[in-house]
Amino acid sequence: MVDVKQKIMLDAGCGERKNKGFIGMDRRELAGVDIVHDLESLPWPLEDGSCAVVLMSHVIEHIKPWLSFDLVDECWRVLEPDGVLLVSTPYGGSFRYYQDPTHCNPWVEASFGYFDPTSPLYSIYKPRPWAIDKLLWSVHGDIECAMRKLEEVPHDPA
């Protein structure tokens, strides 16, 4: 496990382009990678609640689809309460998605609803709960989502 004295900002799957101020984790030992670890190998070598932010920029489309919920749940585990997961990926079905032969997991705007208890899609799998704070997309470009970790599923007052 990584010894963390303060909350960290994790650039998960950073490759050689780690964002400034972030700790980089990638399965390849590259310049800028601080933690060499395959994102699909769970759990990650981080303590529960050790991160303030997890960034996955152009990573999730490379993750085996059947690991999607486990991966997002792992982000939930390493984030502090109200921690933020930032996801950027080519829009599923777009040319940007299909151009890379290693893309195997398409995401569209509805995909994030499976993680937000206010969405009807959440009740299908009931993963760890998130609030979608921002969701932007272009069907010809990228989709970006900011999700905030919820400690529990909000109860419907009705």
N, C-alpha and C. Protein backbone atom coordinates (compact mmCIF):
# COMPACT_ATOMS: atom_id res chain seq x y z
N MET A 1 0.83 -1.18 0.00
CA MET A 1 0.00 0.00 0.00
C MET A 1 0.87 1.24 0.00
N VAL A 2 0.41 2.28 -0.66
CA VAL A 2 1.11 3.55 -0.68
C VAL A 2 0.83 4.27 0.63
N ASP A 3 1.88 4.75 1.28
CA ASP A 3 1.73 5.49 2.52
C ASP A 3 1.33 6.92 2.19
N VAL A 4 0.12 7.31 2.56
CA VAL A 4 -0.39 8.63 2.21
C VAL A 4 -0.61 9.44 3.47
N LYS A 5 0.06 10.60 3.55
CA LYS A 5 -0.09 11.49 4.70
C LYS A 5 -1.21 12.49 4.47
N GLN A 6 -1.47 12.82 3.23
CA GLN A 6 -2.54 13.74 2.90
C GLN A 6 -3.32 13.17 1.72
N LYS A 7 -4.48 13.73 1.47
CA LYS A 7 -5.29 13.26 0.35
C LYS A 7 -4.56 13.56 -0.94
N ILE A 8 -4.62 12.61 -1.87
CA ILE A 8 -3.90 12.77 -3.12
C ILE A 8 -4.87 12.92 -4.29
N MET A 9 -4.35 13.42 -5.36
CA MET A 9 -5.07 13.47 -6.63
C MET A 9 -4.41 12.41 -7.49
N LEU A 10 -5.19 11.42 -7.91
CA LEU A 10 -4.68 10.27 -8.64
C LEU A 10 -5.02 10.38 -10.11
N ASP A 11 -4.01 10.29 -10.95
CA ASP A 11 -4.19 10.23 -12.40
C ASP A 11 -4.07 8.76 -12.79
N ALA A 12 -5.22 8.09 -12.85
CA ALA A 12 -5.26 6.64 -13.08
C ALA A 12 -5.15 6.36 -14.57
N GLY A 13 -4.12 5.60 -14.96
CA GLY A 13 -3.87 5.32 -16.37
C GLY A 13 -3.21 6.50 -17.07
N CYS A 14 -2.32 7.17 -16.36
CA CYS A 14 -1.73 8.42 -16.83
C CYS A 14 -0.82 8.27 -18.04
N GLY A 15 -0.22 7.10 -18.23
CA GLY A 15 0.76 6.96 -19.30
C GLY A 15 1.91 7.94 -19.09
N GLU A 16 2.41 8.50 -20.18
CA GLU A 16 3.51 9.46 -20.10
C GLU A 16 3.01 10.90 -19.94
N ARG A 17 1.73 11.07 -19.81
CA ARG A 17 1.15 12.42 -19.75
C ARG A 17 0.45 12.70 -18.43
N LYS A 18 1.13 12.43 -17.34
CA LYS A 18 0.55 12.67 -16.02
C LYS A 18 0.25 14.16 -15.85
N ASN A 19 -0.91 14.45 -15.29
CA ASN A 19 -1.29 15.82 -15.02
C ASN A 19 -0.50 16.38 -13.84
N LYS A 20 -0.14 17.65 -13.94
CA LYS A 20 0.65 18.32 -12.90
C LYS A 20 -0.10 18.29 -11.57
N GLY A 21 0.62 17.97 -10.52
CA GLY A 21 0.05 17.92 -9.18
C GLY A 21 -0.61 16.59 -8.83
N PHE A 22 -0.62 15.66 -9.77
CA PHE A 22 -1.25 14.36 -9.55
C PHE A 22 -0.19 13.29 -9.31
N ILE A 23 -0.60 12.23 -8.65
CA ILE A 23 0.20 11.01 -8.55
C ILE A 23 -0.27 10.12 -9.70
N GLY A 24 0.66 9.64 -10.49
CA GLY A 24 0.30 8.86 -11.66
C GLY A 24 0.38 7.36 -11.41
N MET A 25 -0.66 6.64 -11.85
CA MET A 25 -0.67 5.18 -11.76
C MET A 25 -0.93 4.63 -13.17
N ASP A 26 -0.10 3.70 -13.58
CA ASP A 26 -0.23 3.08 -14.89
C ASP A 26 0.38 1.70 -14.82
N ARG A 27 -0.05 0.81 -15.68
CA ARG A 27 0.51 -0.55 -15.68
C ARG A 27 1.89 -0.61 -16.29
N ARG A 28 2.25 0.45 -17.01
CA ARG A 28 3.57 0.51 -17.65
C ARG A 28 4.50 1.41 -16.84
N GLU A 29 5.75 1.00 -16.76
CA GLU A 29 6.76 1.80 -16.07
C GLU A 29 7.28 2.84 -17.05
N LEU A 30 6.69 4.04 -16.97
CA LEU A 30 7.00 5.14 -17.88
C LEU A 30 7.40 6.37 -17.08
N ALA A 31 7.98 7.33 -17.76
CA ALA A 31 8.32 8.60 -17.11
C ALA A 31 7.03 9.21 -16.54
N GLY A 32 7.08 9.64 -15.29
CA GLY A 32 5.92 10.25 -14.65
C GLY A 32 5.03 9.29 -13.89
N VAL A 33 5.19 8.01 -14.11
CA VAL A 33 4.36 7.02 -13.41
C VAL A 33 4.95 6.80 -12.01
N ASP A 34 4.15 7.09 -10.99
CA ASP A 34 4.60 6.93 -9.61
C ASP A 34 4.26 5.55 -9.05
N ILE A 35 3.13 4.99 -9.49
CA ILE A 35 2.68 3.68 -9.02
C ILE A 35 2.50 2.80 -10.26
N VAL A 36 3.30 1.77 -10.39
CA VAL A 36 3.15 0.84 -11.51
C VAL A 36 2.16 -0.24 -11.06
N HIS A 37 0.97 -0.19 -11.66
CA HIS A 37 -0.09 -1.11 -11.27
C HIS A 37 -1.15 -1.13 -12.38
N ASP A 38 -1.62 -2.31 -12.73
CA ASP A 38 -2.67 -2.47 -13.73
C ASP A 38 -4.01 -2.08 -13.11
N LEU A 39 -4.70 -1.12 -13.71
CA LEU A 39 -5.98 -0.64 -13.17
C LEU A 39 -7.01 -1.75 -13.04
N GLU A 40 -6.91 -2.78 -13.87
CA GLU A 40 -7.88 -3.87 -13.82
C GLU A 40 -7.57 -4.87 -12.71
N SER A 41 -6.44 -4.73 -12.05
CA SER A 41 -6.07 -5.60 -10.95
C SER A 41 -6.51 -4.93 -9.64
N LEU A 42 -7.57 -5.48 -9.07
CA LEU A 42 -8.16 -4.87 -7.87
C LEU A 42 -7.89 -5.72 -6.64
N PRO A 43 -7.70 -5.12 -5.48
CA PRO A 43 -7.74 -3.68 -5.22
C PRO A 43 -6.45 -2.99 -5.65
N TRP A 44 -6.56 -1.66 -5.81
CA TRP A 44 -5.38 -0.87 -6.11
C TRP A 44 -4.55 -0.72 -4.84
N PRO A 45 -3.26 -0.46 -4.97
CA PRO A 45 -2.40 -0.33 -3.78
C PRO A 45 -2.52 1.05 -3.12
N LEU A 46 -3.74 1.40 -2.76
CA LEU A 46 -4.04 2.66 -2.08
C LEU A 46 -4.99 2.38 -0.92
N GLU A 47 -4.86 3.17 0.12
CA GLU A 47 -5.73 3.03 1.29
C GLU A 47 -7.15 3.52 0.97
N ASP A 48 -8.12 3.02 1.70
CA ASP A 48 -9.49 3.52 1.61
C ASP A 48 -9.48 5.02 1.90
N GLY A 49 -10.20 5.79 1.10
CA GLY A 49 -10.36 7.22 1.36
C GLY A 49 -9.10 8.05 1.23
N SER A 50 -8.09 7.56 0.55
CA SER A 50 -6.81 8.26 0.48
C SER A 50 -6.75 9.33 -0.61
N CYS A 51 -7.74 9.40 -1.49
CA CYS A 51 -7.71 10.33 -2.62
C CYS A 51 -8.82 11.37 -2.52
N ALA A 52 -8.49 12.58 -2.93
CA ALA A 52 -9.49 13.63 -3.06
C ALA A 52 -10.11 13.60 -4.45
N VAL A 53 -9.29 13.24 -5.45
CA VAL A 53 -9.72 13.21 -6.84
C VAL A 53 -9.12 11.99 -7.51
N VAL A 54 -9.90 11.33 -8.35
CA VAL A 54 -9.39 10.31 -9.26
C VAL A 54 -9.74 10.78 -10.66
N LEU A 55 -8.72 10.89 -11.50
CA LEU A 55 -8.88 11.29 -12.88
C LEU A 55 -8.63 10.08 -13.78
N MET A 56 -9.57 9.80 -14.67
CA MET A 56 -9.39 8.75 -15.67
C MET A 56 -9.63 9.39 -17.03
N SER A 57 -8.56 9.88 -17.63
CA SER A 57 -8.65 10.56 -18.91
C SER A 57 -8.28 9.59 -20.03
N HIS A 58 -9.26 9.26 -20.83
CA HIS A 58 -9.09 8.35 -21.97
C HIS A 58 -8.50 7.01 -21.53
N VAL A 59 -9.15 6.45 -20.51
CA VAL A 59 -8.75 5.17 -19.92
C VAL A 59 -9.91 4.18 -19.93
N ILE A 60 -11.08 4.63 -19.51
CA ILE A 60 -12.20 3.71 -19.26
C ILE A 60 -12.62 2.95 -20.53
N GLU A 61 -12.38 3.53 -21.70
CA GLU A 61 -12.74 2.85 -22.94
C GLU A 61 -11.81 1.67 -23.25
N HIS A 62 -10.71 1.56 -22.49
CA HIS A 62 -9.76 0.45 -22.64
C HIS A 62 -10.00 -0.66 -21.61
N ILE A 63 -10.87 -0.43 -20.65
CA ILE A 63 -11.14 -1.38 -19.57
C ILE A 63 -12.14 -2.43 -20.06
N LYS A 64 -11.89 -3.67 -19.72
CA LYS A 64 -12.82 -4.74 -20.10
C LYS A 64 -14.23 -4.36 -19.60
N PRO A 65 -15.23 -4.42 -20.47
CA PRO A 65 -16.57 -3.97 -20.08
C PRO A 65 -17.11 -4.62 -18.81
N TRP A 66 -16.84 -5.90 -18.61
CA TRP A 66 -17.37 -6.60 -17.44
C TRP A 66 -16.69 -6.14 -16.14
N LEU A 67 -15.64 -5.33 -16.25
CA LEU A 67 -14.99 -4.78 -15.06
C LEU A 67 -15.43 -3.34 -14.77
N SER A 68 -16.31 -2.79 -15.58
CA SER A 68 -16.72 -1.39 -15.42
C SER A 68 -17.20 -1.06 -14.02
N PHE A 69 -18.13 -1.85 -13.50
CA PHE A 69 -18.68 -1.55 -12.18
C PHE A 69 -17.64 -1.76 -11.08
N ASP A 70 -16.83 -2.81 -11.20
CA ASP A 70 -15.78 -3.05 -10.21
C ASP A 70 -14.76 -1.91 -10.21
N LEU A 71 -14.41 -1.41 -11.39
CA LEU A 71 -13.44 -0.32 -11.49
C LEU A 71 -13.99 0.96 -10.86
N VAL A 72 -15.23 1.31 -11.18
CA VAL A 72 -15.82 2.52 -10.61
C VAL A 72 -16.01 2.35 -9.10
N ASP A 73 -16.37 1.15 -8.66
CA ASP A 73 -16.45 0.89 -7.21
C ASP A 73 -15.09 1.04 -6.54
N GLU A 74 -14.01 0.67 -7.23
CA GLU A 74 -12.67 0.83 -6.67
C GLU A 74 -12.32 2.31 -6.55
N CYS A 75 -12.73 3.11 -7.51
CA CYS A 75 -12.54 4.56 -7.40
C CYS A 75 -13.28 5.07 -6.17
N TRP A 76 -14.50 4.60 -5.96
CA TRP A 76 -15.30 4.98 -4.80
C TRP A 76 -14.54 4.63 -3.51
N ARG A 77 -13.94 3.45 -3.48
CA ARG A 77 -13.23 3.00 -2.27
C ARG A 77 -12.06 3.92 -1.93
N VAL A 78 -11.27 4.31 -2.92
CA VAL A 78 -10.07 5.09 -2.63
C VAL A 78 -10.36 6.57 -2.44
N LEU A 79 -11.56 7.02 -2.80
CA LEU A 79 -11.90 8.43 -2.63
C LEU A 79 -12.41 8.72 -1.23
N GLU A 80 -12.09 9.91 -0.75
CA GLU A 80 -12.64 10.39 0.51
C GLU A 80 -14.12 10.71 0.33
N PRO A 81 -14.87 10.90 1.42
CA PRO A 81 -16.27 11.31 1.28
C PRO A 81 -16.34 12.60 0.46
N ASP A 82 -17.28 12.65 -0.47
CA ASP A 82 -17.44 13.76 -1.40
C ASP A 82 -16.28 13.91 -2.38
N GLY A 83 -15.40 12.90 -2.46
CA GLY A 83 -14.32 12.91 -3.43
C GLY A 83 -14.89 12.87 -4.84
N VAL A 84 -14.09 13.28 -5.81
CA VAL A 84 -14.57 13.43 -7.17
C VAL A 84 -13.85 12.50 -8.13
N LEU A 85 -14.64 11.84 -8.98
CA LEU A 85 -14.12 11.02 -10.08
C LEU A 85 -14.37 11.80 -11.36
N LEU A 86 -13.30 12.04 -12.12
CA LEU A 86 -13.39 12.74 -13.39
C LEU A 86 -13.09 11.76 -14.51
N VAL A 87 -14.02 11.60 -15.43
CA VAL A 87 -13.88 10.65 -16.54
C VAL A 87 -13.99 11.41 -17.86
N SER A 88 -13.06 11.14 -18.74
CA SER A 88 -13.11 11.66 -20.11
C SER A 88 -12.84 10.49 -21.04
N THR A 89 -13.68 10.35 -22.08
CA THR A 89 -13.56 9.23 -23.00
C THR A 89 -14.16 9.61 -24.34
N PRO A 90 -13.72 9.00 -25.42
CA PRO A 90 -14.41 9.25 -26.69
C PRO A 90 -15.87 8.80 -26.59
N TYR A 91 -16.75 9.55 -27.20
CA TYR A 91 -18.16 9.19 -27.20
C TYR A 91 -18.34 7.83 -27.87
N GLY A 92 -19.00 6.91 -27.18
CA GLY A 92 -19.21 5.56 -27.72
C GLY A 92 -19.92 5.60 -29.06
N GLY A 93 -19.37 4.93 -30.05
CA GLY A 93 -19.96 4.89 -31.38
C GLY A 93 -19.45 5.98 -32.31
N SER A 94 -18.65 6.91 -31.79
CA SER A 94 -18.11 7.97 -32.63
C SER A 94 -16.86 7.48 -33.38
N PHE A 95 -16.46 8.24 -34.38
CA PHE A 95 -15.23 7.91 -35.09
C PHE A 95 -14.07 7.90 -34.10
N ARG A 96 -14.03 8.86 -33.17
CA ARG A 96 -12.94 8.91 -32.17
C ARG A 96 -12.90 7.62 -31.35
N TYR A 97 -14.06 7.03 -31.09
CA TYR A 97 -14.08 5.78 -30.35
C TYR A 97 -13.54 4.64 -31.23
N TYR A 98 -14.06 4.53 -32.45
CA TYR A 98 -13.70 3.40 -33.31
C TYR A 98 -12.30 3.47 -33.91
N GLN A 99 -11.68 4.64 -33.93
CA GLN A 99 -10.37 4.75 -34.57
C GLN A 99 -9.28 3.96 -33.87
N ASP A 100 -9.41 3.72 -32.58
CA ASP A 100 -8.38 3.01 -31.81
C ASP A 100 -8.81 1.55 -31.63
N PRO A 101 -8.06 0.61 -32.18
CA PRO A 101 -8.46 -0.79 -32.09
C PRO A 101 -8.41 -1.37 -30.67
N THR A 102 -7.85 -0.63 -29.71
CA THR A 102 -7.82 -1.13 -28.33
C THR A 102 -9.03 -0.66 -27.53
N HIS A 103 -9.91 0.17 -28.11
CA HIS A 103 -11.13 0.59 -27.42
C HIS A 103 -12.12 -0.58 -27.41
N CYS A 104 -12.58 -0.94 -26.23
CA CYS A 104 -13.47 -2.10 -26.12
C CYS A 104 -14.69 -1.81 -25.24
N ASN A 105 -14.81 -0.60 -24.71
CA ASN A 105 -15.83 -0.29 -23.73
C ASN A 105 -16.43 1.08 -24.03
N PRO A 106 -17.45 1.14 -24.90
CA PRO A 106 -18.04 2.43 -25.26
C PRO A 106 -18.94 2.99 -24.16
N TRP A 107 -18.84 4.30 -23.93
CA TRP A 107 -19.68 5.01 -22.96
C TRP A 107 -20.42 6.13 -23.67
N VAL A 108 -21.68 6.31 -23.31
CA VAL A 108 -22.50 7.42 -23.79
C VAL A 108 -23.08 8.11 -22.55
N GLU A 109 -23.82 9.19 -22.75
CA GLU A 109 -24.31 9.96 -21.60
C GLU A 109 -25.17 9.12 -20.65
N ALA A 110 -25.93 8.17 -21.16
CA ALA A 110 -26.78 7.35 -20.29
C ALA A 110 -25.97 6.37 -19.44
N SER A 111 -24.77 6.02 -19.86
CA SER A 111 -23.96 5.04 -19.13
C SER A 111 -23.71 5.47 -17.69
N PHE A 112 -23.55 6.76 -17.46
CA PHE A 112 -23.24 7.25 -16.12
C PHE A 112 -24.46 7.15 -15.18
N GLY A 113 -25.66 7.05 -15.74
CA GLY A 113 -26.86 6.91 -14.93
C GLY A 113 -26.88 5.65 -14.09
N TYR A 114 -26.16 4.64 -14.51
CA TYR A 114 -26.10 3.39 -13.74
C TYR A 114 -25.43 3.57 -12.38
N PHE A 115 -24.75 4.69 -12.17
CA PHE A 115 -24.01 4.94 -10.93
C PHE A 115 -24.68 5.97 -10.03
N ASP A 116 -25.71 6.63 -10.52
CA ASP A 116 -26.37 7.72 -9.80
C ASP A 116 -27.74 7.25 -9.30
N PRO A 117 -27.94 7.20 -7.97
CA PRO A 117 -29.21 6.70 -7.43
C PRO A 117 -30.44 7.50 -7.85
N THR A 118 -30.28 8.71 -8.38
CA THR A 118 -31.44 9.47 -8.85
C THR A 118 -31.87 9.04 -10.25
N SER A 119 -31.11 8.18 -10.89
CA SER A 119 -31.44 7.69 -12.23
C SER A 119 -32.18 6.36 -12.12
N PRO A 120 -33.17 6.14 -12.98
CA PRO A 120 -33.86 4.84 -12.98
C PRO A 120 -32.91 3.68 -13.32
N LEU A 121 -31.81 3.96 -14.02
CA LEU A 121 -30.86 2.91 -14.38
C LEU A 121 -30.09 2.36 -13.17
N TYR A 122 -29.98 3.16 -12.12
CA TYR A 122 -29.20 2.76 -10.95
C TYR A 122 -29.72 1.46 -10.34
N SER A 123 -31.03 1.28 -10.30
CA SER A 123 -31.62 0.12 -9.61
C SER A 123 -31.30 -1.21 -10.29
N ILE A 124 -30.74 -1.18 -11.49
CA ILE A 124 -30.43 -2.43 -12.19
C ILE A 124 -29.26 -3.16 -11.53
N TYR A 125 -28.17 -2.43 -11.24
CA TYR A 125 -26.97 -3.06 -10.66
C TYR A 125 -26.66 -2.60 -9.24
N LYS A 126 -27.13 -1.42 -8.86
CA LYS A 126 -26.94 -0.85 -7.52
C LYS A 126 -25.46 -0.86 -7.07
N PRO A 127 -24.59 -0.22 -7.85
CA PRO A 127 -23.19 -0.13 -7.43
C PRO A 127 -23.04 0.90 -6.31
N ARG A 128 -21.82 1.18 -5.89
CA ARG A 128 -21.57 2.25 -4.92
C ARG A 128 -22.16 3.54 -5.48
N PRO A 129 -22.77 4.39 -4.62
CA PRO A 129 -23.51 5.54 -5.14
C PRO A 129 -22.65 6.77 -5.45
N TRP A 130 -23.03 7.45 -6.53
CA TRP A 130 -22.39 8.68 -7.00
C TRP A 130 -23.46 9.71 -7.35
N ALA A 131 -23.09 10.97 -7.25
CA ALA A 131 -23.92 12.05 -7.77
C ALA A 131 -23.22 12.58 -9.03
N ILE A 132 -23.95 12.68 -10.11
CA ILE A 132 -23.38 13.24 -11.33
C ILE A 132 -23.45 14.76 -11.20
N ASP A 133 -22.29 15.39 -11.05
CA ASP A 133 -22.24 16.84 -10.90
C ASP A 133 -22.15 17.56 -12.23
N LYS A 134 -21.51 16.94 -13.23
CA LYS A 134 -21.39 17.56 -14.54
C LYS A 134 -21.27 16.47 -15.58
N LEU A 135 -21.97 16.65 -16.70
CA LEU A 135 -21.93 15.68 -17.79
C LEU A 135 -22.03 16.44 -19.10
N LEU A 136 -20.96 16.37 -19.89
CA LEU A 136 -20.89 17.07 -21.17
C LEU A 136 -20.51 16.07 -22.25
N TRP A 137 -21.06 16.22 -23.47
CA TRP A 137 -20.69 15.29 -24.52
C TRP A 137 -20.97 15.89 -25.90
N SER A 138 -20.30 15.31 -26.86
CA SER A 138 -20.56 15.55 -28.27
C SER A 138 -20.55 14.18 -28.93
N VAL A 139 -21.58 13.86 -29.68
CA VAL A 139 -21.66 12.54 -30.30
C VAL A 139 -20.56 12.34 -31.34
N HIS A 140 -19.86 13.41 -31.72
CA HIS A 140 -18.75 13.31 -32.67
C HIS A 140 -17.40 13.48 -32.00
N GLY A 141 -17.40 13.62 -30.68
CA GLY A 141 -16.15 13.88 -29.97
C GLY A 141 -16.04 13.09 -28.69
N ASP A 142 -15.94 13.79 -27.58
CA ASP A 142 -15.71 13.17 -26.28
C ASP A 142 -16.92 13.33 -25.37
N ILE A 143 -16.90 12.55 -24.31
CA ILE A 143 -17.85 12.68 -23.22
C ILE A 143 -17.04 12.87 -21.95
N GLU A 144 -17.47 13.83 -21.11
CA GLU A 144 -16.77 14.11 -19.86
C GLU A 144 -17.79 14.12 -18.73
N CYS A 145 -17.41 13.50 -17.62
CA CYS A 145 -18.31 13.41 -16.49
C CYS A 145 -17.55 13.64 -15.20
N ALA A 146 -18.15 14.43 -14.31
CA ALA A 146 -17.64 14.61 -12.95
C ALA A 146 -18.67 14.00 -12.01
N MET A 147 -18.24 12.98 -11.26
CA MET A 147 -19.13 12.30 -10.31
C MET A 147 -18.56 12.47 -8.91
N ARG A 148 -19.43 12.73 -7.96
CA ARG A 148 -19.04 12.92 -6.56
C ARG A 148 -19.47 11.70 -5.75
N LYS A 149 -18.55 11.20 -4.95
CA LYS A 149 -18.82 10.02 -4.11
C LYS A 149 -19.88 10.36 -3.07
N LEU A 150 -20.90 9.52 -2.99
CA LEU A 150 -21.92 9.62 -1.95
C LEU A 150 -21.65 8.52 -0.94
N GLU A 151 -21.83 8.81 0.31
CA GLU A 151 -21.60 7.81 1.34
C GLU A 151 -22.72 6.78 1.40
N GLU A 152 -23.91 7.20 1.04
CA GLU A 152 -25.04 6.27 1.05
C GLU A 152 -26.04 6.69 -0.01
N VAL A 153 -26.93 5.80 -0.34
CA VAL A 153 -27.96 6.09 -1.32
C VAL A 153 -28.98 7.03 -0.67
N PRO A 154 -29.23 8.20 -1.31
CA PRO A 154 -30.24 9.11 -0.74
C PRO A 154 -31.60 8.42 -0.72
N HIS A 155 -32.35 8.69 0.34
CA HIS A 155 -33.68 8.09 0.46
C HIS A 155 -34.71 9.01 -0.14
N ASP A 156 -35.68 8.42 -0.82
CA ASP A 156 -36.78 9.17 -1.42
C ASP A 156 -37.73 9.57 -0.29
N PRO A 157 -37.96 10.89 -0.09
CA PRO A 157 -38.82 11.31 1.01
C PRO A 157 -40.29 10.93 0.82
N ALA A 158 -40.69 10.52 -0.37
CA ALA A 158 -42.09 10.18 -0.63
C ALA A 158 -42.47 8.87 -0.01
